[in-house]
Structure formats: C-alpha cells, structure tokens
Protein backbone atom coordinates (compact mmCIF):
# COMPACT_ATOMS: atom_id res chain seq x y z
CA MET A 1 -45.86 -32.19 41.83
CA THR A 2 -42.23 -31.77 42.89
CA ARG A 3 -41.31 -29.02 45.20
CA ILE A 4 -37.91 -27.33 45.08
CA SER A 5 -37.17 -28.49 48.61
CA ASP A 6 -37.66 -32.12 47.48
CA ILE A 7 -34.88 -32.00 44.79
CA ASP A 8 -31.63 -33.71 45.81
CA GLY A 9 -29.00 -31.30 46.99
CA LEU A 10 -31.40 -28.78 48.48
CA ARG A 11 -32.28 -28.77 52.11
CA THR A 12 -35.48 -27.68 53.54
CA GLY A 13 -35.56 -23.95 53.78
CA GLY A 14 -33.79 -23.43 50.41
CA ALA A 15 -30.14 -23.87 51.54
CA VAL A 16 -27.75 -25.44 49.00
CA SER A 17 -25.84 -28.59 49.99
CA ARG A 18 -22.05 -28.75 49.81
CA GLY A 19 -22.21 -31.23 46.91
CA ALA A 20 -24.35 -28.96 44.77
CA LEU A 21 -22.17 -25.95 45.59
CA PHE A 22 -19.02 -27.93 44.69
CA LEU A 23 -20.54 -28.93 41.32
CA ALA A 24 -21.60 -25.37 40.54
CA VAL A 25 -18.15 -23.94 41.35
CA SER A 26 -16.38 -26.69 39.39
CA PHE A 27 -18.59 -26.05 36.39
CA ALA A 28 -17.92 -22.28 36.56
CA VAL A 29 -14.15 -22.85 36.73
CA LEU A 30 -14.35 -25.23 33.80
CA LEU A 31 -16.23 -22.69 31.70
CA ALA A 32 -13.84 -19.90 32.62
CA GLY A 33 -10.87 -22.03 31.54
CA CYS A 34 -12.49 -22.83 28.20
CA SER A 35 -13.23 -19.23 27.29
CA ASP A 36 -9.71 -18.12 28.27
CA LYS A 37 -8.16 -20.78 26.07
CA GLY A 38 -10.31 -19.75 23.11
CA GLU A 39 -9.17 -16.15 23.44
CA ARG A 40 -5.53 -17.25 23.50
CA GLU A 41 -6.02 -19.33 20.36
CA ILE A 42 -7.63 -16.41 18.57
CA SER A 43 -4.80 -14.07 19.53
CA ASN A 44 -2.18 -16.64 18.44
CA ASP A 45 -3.95 -17.06 15.09
CA ALA A 46 -3.91 -13.30 14.59
CA ALA A 47 -0.18 -13.20 15.43
CA ASN A 48 0.56 -15.89 12.81
CA VAL A 49 -1.11 -14.01 9.95
CA ALA A 50 1.39 -12.54 7.51
CA PRO A 51 1.19 -8.79 6.94
CA PRO A 52 -0.08 -7.72 3.53
CA PRO A 53 2.68 -7.39 0.93
CA ALA A 54 4.12 -3.93 0.45
CA MET A 55 3.21 -2.10 -2.72
CA PRO A 56 6.10 -1.52 -5.13
CA PRO A 57 7.35 2.06 -5.33
CA SER A 58 5.62 4.21 -7.92
CA ILE A 59 7.31 5.55 -11.06
CA VAL A 60 8.29 9.23 -10.77
CA ALA A 61 10.01 9.60 -14.16
CA SER A 62 10.42 7.56 -17.35
CA HIS A 63 13.11 8.30 -19.91
CA THR A 64 14.24 6.76 -23.18
CA TYR A 65 17.99 6.71 -23.90
CA ARG A 66 19.56 6.20 -27.32
CA CYS A 67 22.88 4.40 -27.31
CA ALA A 68 25.81 4.92 -29.72
CA ASP A 69 25.10 1.55 -31.36
CA GLY A 70 21.53 2.70 -32.20
CA GLY A 71 19.85 0.65 -29.48
CA LEU A 72 17.29 2.09 -27.11
CA LEU A 73 17.09 1.78 -23.35
CA TYR A 74 13.90 2.51 -21.38
CA VAL A 75 14.45 3.55 -17.75
CA ASP A 76 11.78 4.12 -15.08
CA PHE A 77 12.98 5.97 -11.98
CA LEU A 78 11.09 4.85 -8.88
CA GLN A 79 9.87 6.92 -5.95
CA ASP A 80 12.16 5.33 -3.37
CA GLY A 81 15.11 7.06 -5.10
CA THR A 82 17.26 3.92 -4.93
CA SER A 83 15.59 1.73 -7.58
CA ILE A 84 15.09 1.84 -11.34
CA ASN A 85 13.45 -0.47 -13.86
CA VAL A 86 15.36 -1.00 -17.13
CA ARG A 87 13.94 -2.42 -20.37
CA ARG A 88 15.46 -2.88 -23.81
CA GLN A 89 12.02 -2.82 -25.49
CA PRO A 90 9.01 -0.65 -24.60
CA SER A 91 7.05 -3.61 -23.26
CA GLY A 92 9.91 -6.06 -22.76
CA PRO A 93 11.06 -7.79 -19.59
CA VAL A 94 12.00 -5.50 -16.72
CA LEU A 95 15.34 -5.61 -14.93
CA ARG A 96 15.25 -3.98 -11.47
CA LEU A 97 18.49 -2.23 -10.51
CA SER A 98 19.14 -0.65 -7.12
CA THR A 99 21.73 1.47 -5.37
CA PRO A 100 22.54 1.78 -1.67
CA SER A 101 22.52 5.58 -1.95
CA GLN A 102 21.56 8.21 -4.50
CA GLY A 103 24.43 9.27 -6.76
CA LEU A 104 26.03 5.81 -6.93
CA ALA A 105 25.76 3.24 -9.73
CA TYR A 106 22.59 1.15 -9.94
CA VAL A 107 23.42 -2.56 -9.76
CA GLY A 108 21.37 -5.57 -10.80
CA ASP A 109 21.53 -9.02 -12.32
CA GLY A 110 24.20 -8.67 -14.99
CA MET A 111 24.05 -4.88 -15.39
CA ASN A 112 25.45 -1.76 -13.74
CA LEU A 113 24.04 1.61 -14.77
CA THR A 114 25.49 5.00 -13.83
CA VAL A 115 23.40 8.16 -14.34
CA SER A 116 25.16 11.44 -15.08
CA GLY A 117 22.86 14.29 -16.11
CA LYS A 118 21.18 13.27 -19.38
CA GLU A 119 23.54 10.34 -19.96
CA VAL A 120 23.78 6.81 -18.61
CA ARG A 121 26.73 4.46 -18.78
CA ILE A 122 25.94 0.75 -18.99
CA ASP A 123 28.41 -1.89 -17.87
CA GLU A 124 27.59 -5.53 -18.61
CA PRO A 125 29.75 -8.64 -18.38
CA LYS A 126 31.53 -9.62 -21.62
CA LYS A 127 30.43 -6.39 -23.33
CA ALA A 128 32.13 -3.04 -23.78
CA SER A 129 30.80 -0.16 -21.68
CA ARG A 130 28.21 1.92 -23.55
CA THR A 131 27.03 5.47 -23.10
CA CYS A 132 23.45 6.37 -23.94
CA LYS A 133 21.89 9.84 -24.12
CA ARG A 134 18.41 10.94 -23.22
CA GLY A 135 16.64 12.42 -26.24
C-alpha cells in the first residue's frame, strides 16, 4: 500500500515540494488563460451578429385615385409619413416613393408624385404630367 508521504513531490510530514507547487501554479495559470480566451471569443461572436432587419412601416391609409385618362392609381400611405407605395393595379408591382419631409413631392424610380388634398399629380419621364382625383 502506498502512503501519501511516499508519492514523489511530497515530503514527509505532508509538505509540498517546489516542483509540485510550480506544476500546480502553472496548470492553474494555463486554465485561467483558456477560460478567458473562450469568453473573448464568445463576446466577439456576439458582436459580429447582424441585428434583426427592421420591419417595414405599416400602412395608415390606402386610397384609389382615378386619372383623367381613365386609369387608376392605388396609393398606400405609410406610418413613417415620408413613404408611400404606388401600384397601377390592385395587386400589381409596388413602387416605393419617399420624401425628405412631409408636404414635398414623393420621389422614386421613374416617378414623382405630389399630393394636394384629394388630388395627386404624377410626373414621369417621357410622359405628360397627369392629375388624378381620389373618389
């Protein structure tokens, strides 16, 4: 049977040798360095995660406008107050127009739209300006 005092590194009387103490301290430092690095990696991973995408603004009003040429225009006014969605058909493709400030013309890809009361004026390249009325 082996007694604790017979194991290398321990002196008689239970005192720890310098070699065993050095190994224990080195091992503790090594473990402390590993756990610190893992925490840094976790925090860096969390910092690199993209925030969830913002929800689009909700629709606060939808109006249909009839133009002088008989065409219809469907306009959704969005909650942010600076954006509208415009469609030429009830379930057609949407064109998003925006304005830097309320009261100015809404501008988008190939269309400018100015709201004045129950009327809108549409300006498009290579087309005459049109006025449409809300019905």
